[in-house]
């Protein structure tokens, strides 16, 4: 059970390779077998544990909306919550990646166990203080 930012993202951020409010960022959902490994680099590194296209989920990710950076002592990056409607599946993690920069992985979010939805809406609600915070 771990969440974190991938090394490729941290290095790319320092090198100025990302425009976190402009680049296309996607979110995928992962099964219970997924484990965060900070050395993974691109979307294809984690696809074996992505949910399959079924029950209202489509592989390849949904695009995050309302990307924003707030600087107030602590710099935070945030986006609108993501929802999958008319869904029936179980997910244990979310992985965010930047499809503008060759599908570079950004971060993995561990749900602390499998979360299920049955004929309903599965909503990934990001923390009120943002997805990533740097202080």
Protein backbone atom coordinates (compact mmCIF):
# COMPACT_ATOMS: atom_id res chain seq x y z
CA UNK A 1 0.00 0.00 0.00
CA UNK A 2 1.81 3.09 -1.26
CA UNK A 3 1.21 6.26 -3.17
CA UNK A 4 3.90 8.40 -4.71
CA UNK A 5 5.38 10.29 -7.62
CA UNK A 6 7.37 8.41 -10.23
CA UNK A 7 11.08 9.27 -10.60
CA UNK A 8 10.56 10.13 -14.28
CA UNK A 9 8.08 12.82 -13.24
CA UNK A 10 10.29 14.28 -10.53
CA UNK A 11 13.26 14.57 -12.91
CA UNK A 12 11.11 15.94 -15.73
CA UNK A 13 9.56 18.50 -13.41
CA UNK A 14 12.99 19.75 -12.40
CA UNK A 15 14.03 19.90 -16.08
CA UNK A 16 10.93 21.89 -17.05
CA UNK A 17 9.50 19.16 -19.29
CA UNK A 18 5.94 19.49 -18.02
CA UNK A 19 3.31 22.17 -18.28
CA UNK A 20 0.91 20.80 -15.69
CA UNK A 21 -1.92 23.18 -16.58
CA UNK A 22 -1.59 22.74 -20.37
CA UNK A 23 -0.43 19.18 -21.02
CA UNK A 24 -3.05 16.46 -21.42
CA UNK A 25 -3.09 14.49 -18.19
CA UNK A 26 -4.97 11.19 -17.98
CA UNK A 27 -6.15 8.99 -15.13
CA UNK A 28 -6.35 5.21 -15.27
CA UNK A 29 -7.67 2.80 -12.64
CA UNK A 30 -5.74 -0.21 -11.46
CA UNK A 31 -6.57 -3.59 -9.95
CA UNK A 32 -5.44 -4.93 -6.56
CA UNK A 33 -2.28 -6.49 -8.04
CA UNK A 34 -0.82 -3.09 -8.94
CA UNK A 35 2.03 -1.92 -6.73
CA UNK A 36 3.63 1.51 -6.96
CA UNK A 37 7.18 1.19 -8.29
CA UNK A 38 8.84 4.60 -8.56
CA UNK A 39 11.14 3.46 -11.37
CA UNK A 40 8.32 2.80 -13.84
CA UNK A 41 8.43 5.42 -16.59
CA UNK A 42 5.53 5.32 -19.04
CA UNK A 43 1.89 4.24 -19.31
CA UNK A 44 2.88 0.94 -20.97
CA UNK A 45 4.91 0.10 -17.81
CA UNK A 46 1.72 -0.36 -15.80
CA UNK A 47 -0.94 -1.50 -18.28
CA UNK A 48 -0.86 -5.15 -17.16
CA UNK A 49 -2.67 -4.10 -13.97
CA UNK A 50 -5.05 -1.54 -15.50
CA UNK A 51 -8.72 -2.49 -15.30
CA UNK A 52 -10.05 -4.03 -18.50
CA UNK A 53 -12.57 -2.27 -20.69
CA UNK A 54 -15.76 -3.51 -19.06
CA UNK A 55 -18.47 -2.40 -16.69
CA UNK A 56 -18.31 1.26 -17.68
CA UNK A 57 -14.50 1.53 -17.65
CA UNK A 58 -12.43 2.04 -20.81
CA UNK A 59 -8.69 1.42 -20.87
CA UNK A 60 -6.37 4.26 -21.82
CA UNK A 61 -7.56 6.77 -19.27
CA UNK A 62 -9.86 9.74 -18.94
CA UNK A 63 -8.57 13.27 -19.41
CA UNK A 64 -8.36 15.39 -16.27
CA UNK A 65 -10.13 18.77 -16.43
CA UNK A 66 -9.64 22.08 -14.64
CA UNK A 67 -5.91 21.63 -14.13
CA UNK A 68 -4.59 24.31 -11.80
CA UNK A 69 -1.51 25.27 -9.81
CA UNK A 70 -1.89 27.29 -6.63
CA UNK A 71 1.12 28.96 -5.02
CA UNK A 72 0.61 30.03 -1.42
CA UNK A 73 3.63 28.95 0.57
CA UNK A 74 2.98 25.40 -0.54
CA UNK A 75 2.63 24.92 -4.29
CA UNK A 76 -0.16 22.51 -5.20
CA UNK A 77 -1.32 20.93 -8.44
CA UNK A 78 -4.97 20.00 -8.67
CA UNK A 79 -7.71 18.94 -11.08
CA UNK A 80 -11.43 18.34 -11.06
CA UNK A 81 -12.59 15.04 -9.59
CA UNK A 82 -13.03 12.22 -12.11
CA UNK A 83 -16.17 10.08 -12.41
CA UNK A 84 -17.12 6.93 -14.30
CA UNK A 85 -20.91 6.68 -14.64
CA UNK A 86 -23.10 3.60 -15.12
CA UNK A 87 -20.24 1.47 -13.84
CA UNK A 88 -19.69 -1.88 -12.17
CA UNK A 89 -16.08 -2.61 -11.24
CA UNK A 90 -13.54 -2.68 -8.43
CA UNK A 91 -10.37 -0.55 -8.36
CA UNK A 92 -7.55 -0.24 -5.84
CA UNK A 93 -5.34 2.49 -7.32
CA UNK A 94 -5.32 5.37 -9.78
CA UNK A 95 -2.33 6.28 -11.92
CA UNK A 96 -1.93 9.69 -13.57
CA UNK A 97 0.19 10.16 -16.67
CA UNK A 98 1.02 12.97 -19.09
CA UNK A 99 0.06 11.96 -22.62
CA UNK A 100 1.66 15.12 -24.06
CA UNK A 101 5.14 14.01 -22.96
CA UNK A 102 5.11 10.47 -24.36
CA UNK A 103 2.77 9.03 -21.72
CA UNK A 104 5.19 9.76 -18.86
CA UNK A 105 3.90 8.55 -15.50
CA UNK A 106 3.21 11.22 -12.87
CA UNK A 107 1.91 9.53 -9.74
CA UNK A 108 0.13 6.53 -8.31
CA UNK A 109 -2.65 6.90 -5.75
CA UNK A 110 -3.38 3.95 -3.47
CA UNK A 111 -7.01 3.73 -2.29
CA UNK A 112 -6.07 1.64 0.76
CA UNK A 113 -7.90 -1.37 -0.61
CA UNK A 114 -10.35 -2.23 -3.35
CA UNK A 115 -13.23 0.21 -3.84
CA UNK A 116 -16.30 -1.10 -5.63
CA UNK A 117 -19.16 0.34 -7.60
CA UNK A 118 -22.20 -1.58 -8.82
CA UNK A 119 -24.44 0.00 -11.46
CA UNK A 120 -23.52 3.44 -10.22
CA UNK A 121 -20.97 6.25 -10.39
CA UNK A 122 -17.37 5.68 -9.32
CA UNK A 123 -15.88 9.04 -8.35
CA UNK A 124 -12.20 9.68 -7.72
CA UNK A 125 -12.26 12.67 -5.40
CA UNK A 126 -8.87 14.34 -5.14
CA UNK A 127 -7.71 15.70 -1.81
CA UNK A 128 -8.98 19.22 -1.11
CA UNK A 129 -5.39 20.42 -0.83
CA UNK A 130 -4.51 19.14 -4.30
CA UNK A 131 -3.14 16.07 -6.01
CA UNK A 132 0.52 16.95 -5.43
CA UNK A 133 1.87 19.49 -2.95
CA UNK A 134 5.42 20.84 -2.78
CA UNK A 135 6.59 22.87 0.17
